[in-house]
Amino acid sequence: MSKQKNVLSIVERTVFGSGASRKSRREGHIPGILYGHGKKSTPFLLVENEWKKIIQHGNVHLVELKSDIGTPINALVKDIQFDYLNGKTMHIDFLEVKMDELITTTIDVIGHGTPVGIIQGGVLEQIIHKLEIKCLPKDIPENIEVDISGIELDKGIHVKELKLPEGVTAVPAPDSIVFHVIRLRIEEEATATAAEGAVVESAEGTAAEPEIVGAKGKKLEEGEEAEGAAAAGGKDKAPAKEAAGKDKEKKK
């Protein structure tokens, strides 16, 4: 749970624009903005080195913004913009909160261990990486750690099974899956293909019945015999005609 108090010094921001922002970063400041509770958004600059020290300890949720004028403000880190080339923080959005009011935020879900389902041939899949929770600002945990070593093949861990700190409730439905171990799709496709092959083979075996093929063969043979007989009959008639012609010539 986030017990450490994170304090950031802020100064008023009076110059705006991309050029002014680049100059502020060169001077060791990070542009930021504060909003919430119906107040007008307040832009400011915070000290980069202080921010670096805070994020070295892990995820940052609740901070105290302190300035030379006015009282300290408790705020929730809502959005951080990074330069993905060098990893530097470019801009931070803060939401002002009241310490006695419930807030909704998200925290990381981290799994530990190797599920037994992987040994059984499955693959681990994490459905929820960031869990939405509701609690008082002081009760925000840094993250949620889950022992996933007991997950078997085709089994999983649901939101209702997570061990949350006292005063913290999960927003997603209790039956929402956080982690589960599933079968490989390749294995499922191979099984389905094998089953389809067995059905096709069975269908071909049923269609290729010997009696039907035999019947077709008999008809074909009978047709060929009939054609042969007709051809033979035609040959026999031809000599008979020649003999009759010779008899007529003799009589003449």
Protein backbone atom coordinates (compact mmCIF):
# COMPACT_ATOMS: atom_id res chain seq x y z
CA MET A 1 0.00 0.00 0.00
CA SER A 2 1.24 3.52 -0.77
CA LYS A 3 2.33 4.63 2.73
CA GLN A 4 5.18 6.86 1.59
CA LYS A 5 4.24 10.50 1.23
CA ASN A 6 5.21 11.87 -2.18
CA VAL A 7 5.75 15.63 -2.16
CA LEU A 8 6.35 17.69 -5.29
CA SER A 9 7.31 21.36 -5.36
CA ILE A 10 5.45 23.39 -7.97
CA VAL A 11 5.81 26.93 -9.31
CA GLU A 12 3.36 29.05 -11.24
CA ARG A 13 3.52 28.78 -15.01
CA THR A 14 3.17 32.11 -16.76
CA VAL A 15 4.56 31.47 -20.25
CA PHE A 16 2.94 28.97 -22.61
CA GLY A 17 3.56 27.40 -25.99
CA SER A 18 5.84 24.63 -27.30
CA GLY A 19 8.89 26.90 -27.25
CA ALA A 20 8.30 27.88 -23.61
CA SER A 21 7.76 24.22 -22.67
CA ARG A 22 11.06 23.17 -24.24
CA LYS A 23 12.85 25.97 -22.38
CA SER A 24 11.27 24.90 -19.07
CA ARG A 25 12.44 21.31 -19.58
CA ARG A 26 15.96 22.48 -20.33
CA GLU A 27 15.88 24.37 -17.03
CA GLY A 28 14.89 21.22 -15.12
CA HIS A 29 11.11 21.60 -14.92
CA ILE A 30 8.17 19.51 -16.16
CA PRO A 31 4.93 21.22 -17.27
CA GLY A 32 1.84 20.01 -15.42
CA ILE A 33 -1.81 20.84 -14.86
CA LEU A 34 -4.21 20.43 -11.93
CA TYR A 35 -7.98 20.11 -12.22
CA GLY A 36 -10.94 18.72 -10.30
CA HIS A 37 -13.69 19.57 -7.79
CA GLY A 38 -15.22 22.10 -10.13
CA LYS A 39 -12.18 24.35 -10.01
CA LYS A 40 -10.56 26.04 -12.95
CA SER A 41 -7.61 24.11 -14.39
CA THR A 42 -4.31 25.39 -13.02
CA PRO A 43 -1.11 25.02 -15.09
CA PHE A 44 2.23 24.91 -13.28
CA LEU A 45 5.80 23.64 -13.42
CA LEU A 46 7.24 20.97 -11.13
CA VAL A 47 10.84 20.07 -10.35
CA GLU A 48 12.06 17.22 -12.58
CA ASN A 49 14.60 15.80 -10.08
CA GLU A 50 11.91 15.44 -7.40
CA TRP A 51 9.72 13.56 -9.84
CA LYS A 52 12.57 11.23 -10.82
CA LYS A 53 13.21 10.31 -7.18
CA ILE A 54 9.54 9.48 -6.64
CA ILE A 55 9.11 7.24 -9.68
CA GLN A 56 12.26 5.27 -8.79
CA HIS A 57 10.26 3.59 -6.00
CA GLY A 58 7.58 2.27 -8.36
CA ASN A 59 4.14 3.38 -9.47
CA VAL A 60 3.02 6.79 -8.27
CA HIS A 61 -0.64 7.44 -7.50
CA LEU A 62 -1.14 10.00 -4.73
CA VAL A 63 1.08 13.07 -4.36
CA GLU A 64 1.09 16.30 -2.40
CA LEU A 65 1.65 19.41 -4.48
CA LYS A 66 3.39 22.10 -2.46
CA SER A 67 3.93 25.70 -3.50
CA ASP A 68 5.29 28.84 -1.87
CA ILE A 69 1.79 30.30 -1.87
CA GLY A 70 -1.35 28.56 -0.71
CA THR A 71 -1.87 25.30 1.18
CA PRO A 72 -0.60 21.89 -0.05
CA ILE A 73 -2.94 20.05 -2.40
CA ASN A 74 -3.52 16.29 -2.46
CA ALA A 75 -3.71 15.08 -6.04
CA LEU A 76 -3.93 11.90 -8.03
CA VAL A 77 -1.64 11.31 -11.01
CA LYS A 78 -4.06 10.89 -13.92
CA ASP A 79 -1.92 10.99 -17.05
CA ILE A 80 1.77 11.07 -17.88
CA GLN A 81 3.18 11.95 -21.29
CA PHE A 82 6.59 10.55 -22.19
CA ASP A 83 9.15 11.17 -24.88
CA TYR A 84 9.44 7.61 -26.18
CA LEU A 85 12.84 8.28 -27.71
CA ASN A 86 14.64 9.23 -24.51
CA GLY A 87 12.11 8.18 -21.85
CA LYS A 88 11.84 11.64 -20.31
CA THR A 89 8.58 12.86 -18.77
CA MET A 90 7.07 15.61 -20.91
CA HIS A 91 3.83 16.52 -19.10
CA ILE A 92 1.73 15.36 -16.12
CA ASP A 93 -1.99 15.73 -15.39
CA PHE A 94 -3.13 15.78 -11.75
CA LEU A 95 -6.62 15.42 -10.29
CA GLU A 96 -7.27 17.16 -6.98
CA VAL A 97 -8.82 14.82 -4.39
CA LYS A 98 -10.31 15.04 -0.90
CA MET A 99 -8.78 12.57 1.53
CA ASP A 100 -12.19 11.65 2.97
CA GLU A 101 -13.87 10.99 -0.41
CA LEU A 102 -13.86 7.72 -2.34
CA ILE A 103 -12.05 7.86 -5.65
CA THR A 104 -11.76 5.54 -8.65
CA THR A 105 -8.37 4.77 -10.14
CA THR A 106 -6.42 1.94 -11.78
CA ILE A 107 -3.52 -0.12 -10.48
CA ASP A 108 -1.25 -2.70 -12.09
CA VAL A 109 -1.95 -6.43 -11.68
CA ILE A 110 1.26 -8.47 -11.41
CA GLY A 111 1.35 -12.27 -11.55
CA HIS A 112 3.98 -14.38 -9.80
CA GLY A 113 4.89 -18.01 -10.40
CA THR A 114 4.54 -20.51 -13.24
CA PRO A 115 1.05 -22.00 -13.69
CA VAL A 116 0.83 -25.81 -13.63
CA GLY A 117 -1.37 -25.47 -16.72
CA ILE A 118 1.70 -24.51 -18.75
CA ILE A 119 3.33 -27.82 -17.86
CA GLN A 120 0.09 -29.48 -19.02
CA GLY A 121 0.57 -27.90 -22.45
CA GLY A 122 -1.36 -24.65 -22.07
CA VAL A 123 -0.51 -20.96 -22.49
CA LEU A 124 -0.96 -18.25 -19.86
CA GLU A 125 -3.06 -15.26 -20.86
CA GLN A 126 -3.56 -12.12 -18.76
CA ILE A 127 -6.86 -10.43 -19.53
CA ILE A 128 -6.74 -7.58 -17.00
CA HIS A 129 -3.39 -5.78 -16.74
CA LYS A 130 -4.75 -2.70 -14.95
CA LEU A 131 -7.51 -3.16 -12.40
CA GLU A 132 -9.98 -0.37 -11.75
CA ILE A 133 -10.57 0.07 -8.02
CA LYS A 134 -12.50 2.29 -5.65
CA CYS A 135 -11.16 3.43 -2.27
CA LEU A 136 -10.05 6.40 -0.19
CA PRO A 137 -6.91 8.14 -1.49
CA LYS A 138 -4.85 6.95 1.49
CA ASP A 139 -5.76 3.30 0.79
CA ILE A 140 -4.55 3.15 -2.82
CA PRO A 141 -2.19 0.15 -3.15
CA GLU A 142 0.88 0.45 -5.33
CA ASN A 143 -0.22 -2.65 -7.26
CA ILE A 144 -1.93 -6.02 -6.83
CA GLU A 145 0.27 -9.12 -6.73
CA VAL A 146 -1.29 -12.47 -7.62
CA ASP A 147 0.05 -16.00 -7.13
CA ILE A 148 -0.73 -17.71 -10.46
CA SER A 149 1.23 -20.95 -9.89
CA GLY A 150 -1.93 -22.96 -9.11
CA ILE A 151 -3.78 -22.24 -12.35
CA GLU A 152 -4.47 -25.50 -14.20
CA LEU A 153 -5.23 -26.01 -17.89
CA ASP A 154 -8.59 -24.46 -18.87
CA LYS A 155 -8.80 -22.76 -15.47
CA GLY A 156 -8.31 -19.17 -14.34
CA ILE A 157 -8.41 -16.53 -11.62
CA HIS A 158 -11.35 -14.13 -11.48
CA VAL A 159 -11.71 -10.66 -9.99
CA LYS A 160 -13.66 -12.05 -7.03
CA GLU A 161 -10.67 -14.24 -6.13
CA LEU A 162 -8.18 -11.37 -5.85
CA LYS A 163 -6.94 -10.51 -2.37
CA LEU A 164 -7.44 -6.77 -2.13
CA PRO A 165 -6.34 -4.62 0.82
CA GLU A 166 -8.95 -3.56 3.35
CA GLY A 167 -11.01 -0.63 2.13
CA VAL A 168 -10.33 -1.40 -1.54
CA THR A 169 -13.01 -2.77 -3.87
CA ALA A 170 -12.75 -3.82 -7.51
CA VAL A 171 -14.95 -2.10 -10.07
CA PRO A 172 -15.13 -4.86 -12.77
CA ALA A 173 -17.70 -7.66 -12.49
CA PRO A 174 -16.69 -10.37 -9.95
CA ASP A 175 -16.66 -13.07 -12.64
CA SER A 176 -14.32 -11.12 -14.92
CA ILE A 177 -11.23 -13.19 -15.79
CA VAL A 178 -7.86 -11.77 -14.74
CA PHE A 179 -5.58 -14.70 -15.65
CA HIS A 180 -6.30 -18.04 -17.33
CA VAL A 181 -4.42 -20.88 -18.97
CA ILE A 182 -5.77 -21.84 -22.39
CA ARG A 183 -5.00 -24.57 -24.89
CA LEU A 184 -2.84 -23.80 -27.90
CA ARG A 185 -4.93 -22.92 -30.94
CA ILE A 186 -2.60 -24.98 -33.13
CA GLU A 187 -3.44 -28.05 -31.06
CA GLU A 188 -7.17 -27.34 -31.35
CA GLU A 189 -6.91 -26.80 -35.12
CA ALA A 190 -4.93 -30.03 -35.52
CA THR A 191 -7.60 -31.95 -33.59
CA ALA A 192 -10.36 -30.39 -35.68
CA THR A 193 -8.50 -31.17 -38.92
CA ALA A 194 -8.00 -34.78 -37.86
CA ALA A 195 -11.69 -35.08 -37.03
CA GLU A 196 -12.68 -33.62 -40.41
CA GLY A 197 -10.32 -36.03 -42.16
CA ALA A 198 -11.91 -38.97 -40.38
CA VAL A 199 -15.38 -37.83 -41.46
CA VAL A 200 -14.29 -37.38 -45.10
CA GLU A 201 -12.58 -40.76 -45.13
CA SER A 202 -15.68 -42.40 -43.68
CA ALA A 203 -17.88 -40.69 -46.27
CA GLU A 204 -15.64 -41.83 -49.13
CA GLY A 205 -15.65 -45.37 -47.83
CA THR A 206 -19.43 -45.38 -47.73
CA ALA A 207 -19.75 -44.00 -51.25
CA ALA A 208 -17.30 -46.49 -52.79
CA GLU A 209 -19.44 -49.62 -52.32
CA PRO A 210 -18.29 -52.70 -54.37
CA GLU A 211 -21.84 -53.62 -55.40
CA ILE A 212 -22.46 -50.25 -57.10
CA VAL A 213 -19.14 -50.33 -58.89
CA GLY A 214 -19.85 -53.95 -59.92
CA ALA A 215 -23.27 -53.01 -61.24
CA LYS A 216 -21.77 -50.26 -63.35
CA GLY A 217 -19.13 -52.68 -64.60
CA LYS A 218 -21.74 -55.24 -65.60
CA LYS A 219 -23.73 -52.68 -67.55
CA LEU A 220 -20.57 -51.53 -69.28
CA GLU A 221 -19.61 -55.11 -70.18
CA GLU A 222 -23.13 -55.88 -71.43
CA GLY A 223 -23.03 -52.78 -73.61
CA GLU A 224 -19.66 -53.77 -75.04
CA GLU A 225 -20.90 -57.34 -75.73
CA ALA A 226 -23.96 -55.98 -77.52
CA GLU A 227 -21.81 -53.73 -79.66
CA GLY A 228 -19.51 -56.68 -80.44
CA ALA A 229 -22.45 -58.88 -81.45
CA ALA A 230 -23.85 -56.18 -83.71
CA ALA A 231 -20.47 -55.75 -85.39
CA ALA A 232 -20.16 -59.52 -85.86
CA GLY A 233 -23.66 -59.73 -87.36
CA GLY A 234 -22.77 -57.01 -89.86
CA LYS A 235 -19.69 -58.98 -90.98
CA ASP A 236 -21.72 -62.17 -91.50
CA LYS A 237 -24.28 -60.36 -93.66
CA ALA A 238 -21.64 -58.96 -96.01
CA PRO A 239 -20.38 -62.39 -97.30
CA ALA A 240 -23.97 -63.55 -97.79
CA LYS A 241 -24.67 -60.60 -100.11
CA GLU A 242 -21.52 -61.33 -102.12
CA ALA A 243 -22.58 -65.00 -102.60
CA ALA A 244 -26.03 -63.97 -103.82
CA GLY A 245 -24.47 -61.63 -106.40
CA LYS A 246 -22.24 -64.42 -107.79
CA ASP A 247 -25.26 -66.76 -108.25
CA LYS A 248 -27.04 -64.14 -110.36
CA GLU A 249 -24.04 -63.75 -112.63
CA LYS A 250 -23.86 -67.53 -113.22
CA LYS A 251 -27.54 -67.68 -114.25
CA LYS A 252 -26.96 -64.94 -116.77
